[in-house]
PDB file of N, CA and C in Angstrom:
ATOM      1  N   MET A   1     181.392  98.809 113.841  1.00  0.00           N
ATOM      2  CA  MET A   1     180.823  99.284 115.084  1.00  0.00           C
ATOM      3  C   MET A   1     179.388  99.758 114.894  1.00  0.00           C
ATOM      4  N   SER A   2     179.097 100.415 113.786  1.00  0.00           N
ATOM      5  CA  SER A   2     177.738 100.913 113.568  1.00  0.00           C
ATOM      6  C   SER A   2     176.737  99.764 113.447  1.00  0.00           C
ATOM      7  N   GLU A   3     177.188  98.598 112.965  1.00  0.00           N
ATOM      8  CA  GLU A   3     176.292  97.449 112.875  1.00  0.00           C
ATOM      9  C   GLU A   3     175.813  97.023 114.266  1.00  0.00           C
ATOM     10  N   VAL A   4     176.675  97.081 115.251  1.00  0.00           N
ATOM     11  CA  VAL A   4     176.308  96.725 116.612  1.00  0.00           C
ATOM     12  C   VAL A   4     175.288  97.715 117.160  1.00  0.00           C
ATOM     13  N   VAL A   5     175.473  98.978 116.902  1.00  0.00           N
ATOM     14  CA  VAL A   5     174.542  99.999 117.362  1.00  0.00           C
ATOM     15  C   VAL A   5     173.169  99.761 116.733  1.00  0.00           C
ATOM     16  N   GLN A   6     173.128  99.471 115.438  1.00  0.00           N
ATOM     17  CA  GLN A   6     171.862  99.206 114.761  1.00  0.00           C
ATOM     18  C   GLN A   6     171.197  97.965 115.335  1.00  0.00           C
ATOM     19  N   LEU A   7     171.954  96.930 115.623  1.00  0.00           N
ATOM     20  CA  LEU A   7     171.399  95.713 116.185  1.00  0.00           C
ATOM     21  C   LEU A   7     170.770  96.003 117.539  1.00  0.00           C
ATOM     22  N   LYS A   8     171.452  96.779 118.370  1.00  0.00           N
ATOM     23  CA  LYS A   8     170.889  97.125 119.670  1.00  0.00           C
ATOM     24  C   LYS A   8     169.598  97.910 119.503  1.00  0.00           C
ATOM     25  N   THR A   9     169.542  98.765 118.538  1.00  0.00           N
ATOM     26  CA  THR A   9     168.338  99.544 118.292  1.00  0.00           C
ATOM     27  C   THR A   9     167.193  98.635 117.864  1.00  0.00           C
ATOM     28  N   ARG A  10     167.455  97.689 116.975  1.00  0.00           N
ATOM     29  CA  ARG A  10     166.427  96.725 116.556  1.00  0.00           C
ATOM     30  C   ARG A  10     165.978  95.881 117.732  1.00  0.00           C
ATOM     31  N   GLN A  11     166.931  95.442 118.538  1.00  0.00           N
ATOM     32  CA  GLN A  11     166.590  94.640 119.712  1.00  0.00           C
ATOM     33  C   GLN A  11     165.711  95.438 120.670  1.00  0.00           C
ATOM     34  N   THR A  12     166.082  96.678 120.885  1.00  0.00           N
ATOM     35  CA  THR A  12     165.311  97.527 121.796  1.00  0.00           C
ATOM     36  C   THR A  12     163.894  97.743 121.280  1.00  0.00           C
ATOM     37  N   ARG A  13     163.770  98.020 119.994  1.00  0.00           N
ATOM     38  CA  ARG A  13     162.431  98.214 119.418  1.00  0.00           C
ATOM     39  C   ARG A  13     161.596  96.946 119.530  1.00  0.00           C
ATOM     40  N   ALA A  14     162.209  95.809 119.233  1.00  0.00           N
ATOM     41  CA  ALA A  14     161.485  94.535 119.325  1.00  0.00           C
ATOM     42  C   ALA A  14     161.083  94.252 120.765  1.00  0.00           C
ATOM     43  N   TRP A  15     161.978  94.538 121.715  1.00  0.00           N
ATOM     44  CA  TRP A  15     161.668  94.321 123.128  1.00  0.00           C
ATOM     45  C   TRP A  15     160.513  95.217 123.574  1.00  0.00           C
ATOM     46  N   GLU A  16     160.574  96.478 123.208  1.00  0.00           N
ATOM     47  CA  GLU A  16     159.524  97.419 123.598  1.00  0.00           C
ATOM     48  C   GLU A  16     158.177  97.037 122.993  1.00  0.00           C
ATOM     49  N   ALA A  17     158.186  96.548 121.750  1.00  0.00           N
ATOM     50  CA  ALA A  17     156.941  96.098 121.117  1.00  0.00           C
ATOM     51  C   ALA A  17     156.374  94.892 121.865  1.00  0.00           C
ATOM     52  N   TYR A  18     157.259  93.970 122.251  1.00  0.00           N
ATOM     53  CA  TYR A  18     156.806  92.809 123.009  1.00  0.00           C
ATOM     54  C   TYR A  18     156.219  93.219 124.360  1.00  0.00           C
ATOM     55  N   VAL A  19     156.926  94.058 125.092  1.00  0.00           N
ATOM     56  CA  VAL A  19     156.458  94.474 126.419  1.00  0.00           C
ATOM     57  C   VAL A  19     155.094  95.154 126.316  1.00  0.00           C
ATOM     58  N   ALA A  20     154.923  96.010 125.333  1.00  0.00           N
ATOM     59  CA  ALA A  20     153.633  96.692 125.157  1.00  0.00           C
ATOM     60  C   ALA A  20     152.528  95.683 124.828  1.00  0.00           C
ATOM     61  N   ALA A  21     152.823  94.730 123.946  1.00  0.00           N
ATOM     62  CA  ALA A  21     151.821  93.728 123.564  1.00  0.00           C
ATOM     63  C   ALA A  21     151.501  92.813 124.742  1.00  0.00           C
ATOM     64  N   ARG A  22     152.519  92.439 125.505  1.00  0.00           N
ATOM     65  CA  ARG A  22     152.308  91.593 126.680  1.00  0.00           C
ATOM     66  C   ARG A  22     151.448  92.308 127.719  1.00  0.00           C
ATOM     67  N   ASP A  23     151.766  93.570 127.964  1.00  0.00           N
ATOM     68  CA  ASP A  23     150.992  94.350 128.933  1.00  0.00           C
ATOM     69  C   ASP A  23     149.531  94.460 128.502  1.00  0.00           C
ATOM     70  N   ARG A  24     149.332  94.701 127.222  1.00  0.00           N
ATOM     71  CA  ARG A  24     147.954  94.801 126.710  1.00  0.00           C
ATOM     72  C   ARG A  24     147.221  93.474 126.909  1.00  0.00           C
ATOM     73  N   ALA A  25     147.884  92.363 126.587  1.00  0.00           N
ATOM     74  CA  ALA A  25     147.268  91.044 126.736  1.00  0.00           C
ATOM     75  C   ALA A  25     146.929  90.756 128.200  1.00  0.00           C
ATOM     76  N   GLU A  26     147.803  91.157 129.100  1.00  0.00           N
ATOM     77  CA  GLU A  26     147.547  90.939 130.521  1.00  0.00           C
ATOM     78  C   GLU A  26     146.354  91.774 130.995  1.00  0.00           C
ATOM     79  N   GLN A  27     146.212  92.954 130.439  1.00  0.00           N
ATOM     80  CA  GLN A  27     145.093  93.825 130.838  1.00  0.00           C
ATOM     81  C   GLN A  27     143.764  93.331 130.281  1.00  0.00           C
ATOM     82  N   THR A  28     143.743  92.975 129.007  1.00  0.00           N
ATOM     83  CA  THR A  28     142.482  92.627 128.353  1.00  0.00           C
ATOM     84  C   THR A  28     142.107  91.158 128.523  1.00  0.00           C
ATOM     85  N   ARG A  29     143.100  90.303 128.705  1.00  0.00           N
ATOM     86  CA  ARG A  29     142.882  88.848 128.765  1.00  0.00           C
ATOM     87  C   ARG A  29     142.212  88.336 127.486  1.00  0.00           C
ATOM     88  N   ASP A  30     142.397  89.079 126.408  1.00  0.00           N
ATOM     89  CA  ASP A  30     141.815  88.720 125.116  1.00  0.00           C
ATOM     90  C   ASP A  30     142.805  87.836 124.353  1.00  0.00           C
ATOM     91  N   ILE A  31     142.323  86.755 123.773  1.00  0.00           N
ATOM     92  CA  ILE A  31     143.186  85.813 123.052  1.00  0.00           C
ATOM     93  C   ILE A  31     143.905  86.485 121.879  1.00  0.00           C
ATOM     94  N   THR A  32     143.228  87.405 121.221  1.00  0.00           N
ATOM     95  CA  THR A  32     143.858  88.102 120.092  1.00  0.00           C
ATOM     96  C   THR A  32     145.069  88.901 120.571  1.00  0.00           C
ATOM     97  N   ASP A  33     144.943  89.539 121.715  1.00  0.00           N
ATOM     98  CA  ASP A  33     146.064  90.283 122.269  1.00  0.00           C
ATOM     99  C   ASP A  33     147.172  89.335 122.727  1.00  0.00           C
ATOM    100  N   GLY A  34     146.790  88.165 123.226  1.00  0.00           N
ATOM    101  CA  GLY A  34     147.778  87.167 123.619  1.00  0.00           C
ATOM    102  C   GLY A  34     148.564  86.656 122.422  1.00  0.00           C
ATOM    103  N   ILE A  35     147.876  86.432 121.329  1.00  0.00           N
ATOM    104  CA  ILE A  35     148.542  85.988 120.105  1.00  0.00           C
ATOM    105  C   ILE A  35     149.489  87.071 119.602  1.00  0.00           C
ATOM    106  N   ALA A  36     149.054  88.321 119.655  1.00  0.00           N
ATOM    107  CA  ALA A  36     149.921  89.434 119.240  1.00  0.00           C
ATOM    108  C   ALA A  36     151.170  89.492 120.120  1.00  0.00           C
ATOM    109  N   ALA A  37     151.015  89.239 121.410  1.00  0.00           N
ATOM    110  CA  ALA A  37     152.168  89.239 122.317  1.00  0.00           C
ATOM    111  C   ALA A  37     153.114  88.096 121.964  1.00  0.00           C
ATOM    112  N   GLY A  38     152.549  86.948 121.639  1.00  0.00           N
ATOM    113  CA  GLY A  38     153.387  85.813 121.231  1.00  0.00           C
ATOM    114  C   GLY A  38     154.170  86.095 119.969  1.00  0.00           C
ATOM    115  N   ARG A  39     153.522  86.740 119.026  1.00  0.00           N
ATOM    116  CA  ARG A  39     154.212  87.108 117.781  1.00  0.00           C
ATOM    117  C   ARG A  39     155.305  88.137 118.042  1.00  0.00           C
ATOM    118  N   ALA A  40     155.006  89.086 118.917  1.00  0.00           N
ATOM    119  CA  ALA A  40     156.016  90.092 119.258  1.00  0.00           C
ATOM    120  C   ALA A  40     157.206  89.435 119.942  1.00  0.00           C
ATOM    121  N   TRP A  41     156.953  88.438 120.783  1.00  0.00           N
ATOM    122  CA  TRP A  41     158.037  87.698 121.435  1.00  0.00           C
ATOM    123  C   TRP A  41     158.894  86.986 120.384  1.00  0.00           C
ATOM    124  N   ALA A  42     158.239  86.372 119.397  1.00  0.00           N
ATOM    125  CA  ALA A  42     158.975  85.681 118.340  1.00  0.00           C
ATOM    126  C   ALA A  42     159.872  86.641 117.573  1.00  0.00           C
ATOM    127  N   VAL A  43     159.381  87.841 117.316  1.00  0.00           N
ATOM    128  CA  VAL A  43     160.180  88.846 116.607  1.00  0.00           C
ATOM    129  C   VAL A  43     161.396  89.234 117.456  1.00  0.00           C
ATOM    130  N   PHE A  44     161.194  89.400 118.763  1.00  0.00           N
ATOM    131  CA  PHE A  44     162.311  89.733 119.655  1.00  0.00           C
ATOM    132  C   PHE A  44     163.341  88.604 119.666  1.00  0.00           C
ATOM    133  N   ILE A  45     162.905  87.388 119.825  1.00  0.00           N
ATOM    134  CA  ILE A  45     163.816  86.243 119.864  1.00  0.00           C
ATOM    135  C   ILE A  45     164.562  86.091 118.541  1.00  0.00           C
ATOM    136  N   ALA A  46     163.895  86.413 117.432  1.00  0.00           N
ATOM    137  CA  ALA A  46     164.524  86.293 116.120  1.00  0.00           C
ATOM    138  C   ALA A  46     165.776  87.152 116.009  1.00  0.00           C
ATOM    139  N   GLU A  47     165.858  88.205 116.797  1.00  0.00           N
ATOM    140  CA  GLU A  47     167.044  89.065 116.762  1.00  0.00           C
ATOM    141  C   GLU A  47     168.312  88.306 117.173  1.00  0.00           C
ATOM    142  N   PHE A  48     168.164  87.204 117.855  1.00  0.00           N
ATOM    143  CA  PHE A  48     169.314  86.462 118.354  1.00  0.00           C
ATOM    144  C   PHE A  48     169.593  85.195 117.550  1.00  0.00           C
ATOM    145  N   LEU A  49     168.840  84.983 116.482  1.00  0.00           N
ATOM    146  CA  LEU A  49     169.014  83.813 115.635  1.00  0.00           C
ATOM    147  C   LEU A  49     169.961  84.119 114.481  1.00  0.00           C
ATOM    148  N   PRO A  50     170.597  83.073 113.944  1.00  0.00           N
ATOM    149  CA  PRO A  50     171.386  83.280 112.724  1.00  0.00           C
ATOM    150  C   PRO A  50     170.466  83.725 111.594  1.00  0.00           C
ATOM    151  N   PRO A  51     170.994  84.462 110.626  1.00  0.00           N
ATOM    152  CA  PRO A  51     170.156  85.006 109.546  1.00  0.00           C
ATOM    153  C   PRO A  51     169.289  83.960 108.834  1.00  0.00           C
ATOM    154  N   GLU A  52     169.807  82.767 108.613  1.00  0.00           N
ATOM    155  CA  GLU A  52     169.017  81.760 107.907  1.00  0.00           C
ATOM    156  C   GLU A  52     167.807  81.295 108.722  1.00  0.00           C
ATOM    157  N   GLN A  53     167.890  81.353 110.032  1.00  0.00           N
ATOM    158  CA  GLN A  53     166.749  81.003 110.875  1.00  0.00           C
ATOM    159  C   GLN A  53     165.838  82.211 111.101  1.00  0.00           C
ATOM    160  N   ARG A  54     166.407  83.382 111.059  1.00  0.00           N
ATOM    161  CA  ARG A  54     165.643  84.617 111.261  1.00  0.00           C
ATOM    162  C   ARG A  54     164.571  84.774 110.183  1.00  0.00           C
ATOM    163  N   SER A  55     164.844  84.236 108.998  1.00  0.00           N
ATOM    164  CA  SER A  55     163.894  84.369 107.899  1.00  0.00           C
ATOM    165  C   SER A  55     162.596  83.616 108.172  1.00  0.00           C
ATOM    166  N   LEU A  56     162.563  82.767 109.182  1.00  0.00           N
ATOM    167  CA  LEU A  56     161.331  82.058 109.536  1.00  0.00           C
ATOM    168  C   LEU A  56     160.283  83.009 110.104  1.00  0.00           C
ATOM    169  N   ILE A  57     160.721  84.141 110.642  1.00  0.00           N
ATOM    170  CA  ILE A  57     159.806  85.161 111.145  1.00  0.00           C
ATOM    171  C   ILE A  57     159.538  86.118 109.989  1.00  0.00           C
ATOM    172  N   THR A  58     158.300  86.203 109.558  1.00  0.00           N
ATOM    173  CA  THR A  58     157.992  86.997 108.371  1.00  0.00           C
ATOM    174  C   THR A  58     157.898  88.481 108.697  1.00  0.00           C
ATOM    175  N   VAL A  59     158.091  89.287 107.701  1.00  0.00           N
ATOM    176  CA  VAL A  59     157.969  90.738 107.843  1.00  0.00           C
ATOM    177  C   VAL A  59     156.549  91.094 108.266  1.00  0.00           C
ATOM    178  N   LYS A  60     155.567  90.396 107.749  1.00  0.00           N
ATOM    179  CA  LYS A  60     154.176  90.664 108.091  1.00  0.00           C
ATOM    180  C   LYS A  60     153.966  90.523 109.601  1.00  0.00           C
ATOM    181  N   GLU A  61     154.508  89.478 110.203  1.00  0.00           N
ATOM    182  CA  GLU A  61     154.371  89.287 111.642  1.00  0.00           C
ATOM    183  C   GLU A  61     155.092  90.380 112.404  1.00  0.00           C
ATOM    184  N   ALA A  62     156.261  90.773 111.949  1.00  0.00           N
ATOM    185  CA  ALA A  62     157.017  91.818 112.611  1.00  0.00           C
ATOM    186  C   ALA A  62     156.259  93.143 112.558  1.00  0.00           C
ATOM    187  N   ASP A  63     155.653  93.439 111.417  1.00  0.00           N
ATOM    188  CA  ASP A  63     154.884  94.675 111.276  1.00  0.00           C
ATOM    189  C   ASP A  63     153.673  94.679 112.203  1.00  0.00           C
ATOM    190  N   ARG A  64     152.986  93.565 112.271  1.00  0.00           N
ATOM    191  CA  ARG A  64     151.812  93.464 113.143  1.00  0.00           C
ATOM    192  C   ARG A  64     152.217  93.660 114.595  1.00  0.00           C
ATOM    193  N   ALA A  65     153.304  93.040 115.009  1.00  0.00           N
ATOM    194  CA  ALA A  65     153.752  93.150 116.399  1.00  0.00           C
ATOM    195  C   ALA A  65     154.156  94.581 116.717  1.00  0.00           C
ATOM    196  N   ALA A  66     154.806  95.234 115.788  1.00  0.00           N
ATOM    197  CA  ALA A  66     155.289  96.600 116.033  1.00  0.00           C
ATOM    198  C   ALA A  66     154.131  97.606 116.123  1.00  0.00           C
ATOM    199  N   ARG A  67     153.019  97.318 115.446  1.00  0.00           N
ATOM    200  CA  ARG A  67     151.880  98.245 115.461  1.00  0.00           C
ATOM    201  C   ARG A  67     151.123  98.237 116.777  1.00  0.00           C
ATOM    202  N   ARG A  68     151.234  97.201 117.537  1.00  0.00           N
ATOM    203  CA  ARG A  68     150.464  97.080 118.792  1.00  0.00           C
ATOM    204  C   ARG A  68     151.023  97.895 119.875  1.00  0.00           C
TER     205      ARG A  68
END
């Protein structure tokens, strides 16, 4: 049961990072912010992939998306 709770927490964090990055990109219309939003979206979507496919999203990208 605790694994499900942790997964929801990761999903929520990834979703919130994406929403923040998307909002920033919409406000600034800057390509760099758009790319950050795209990366944040990829991190969110990765939460729903099997583990072997999840590894395609690197930790570096996840860290960058979470910082925005």
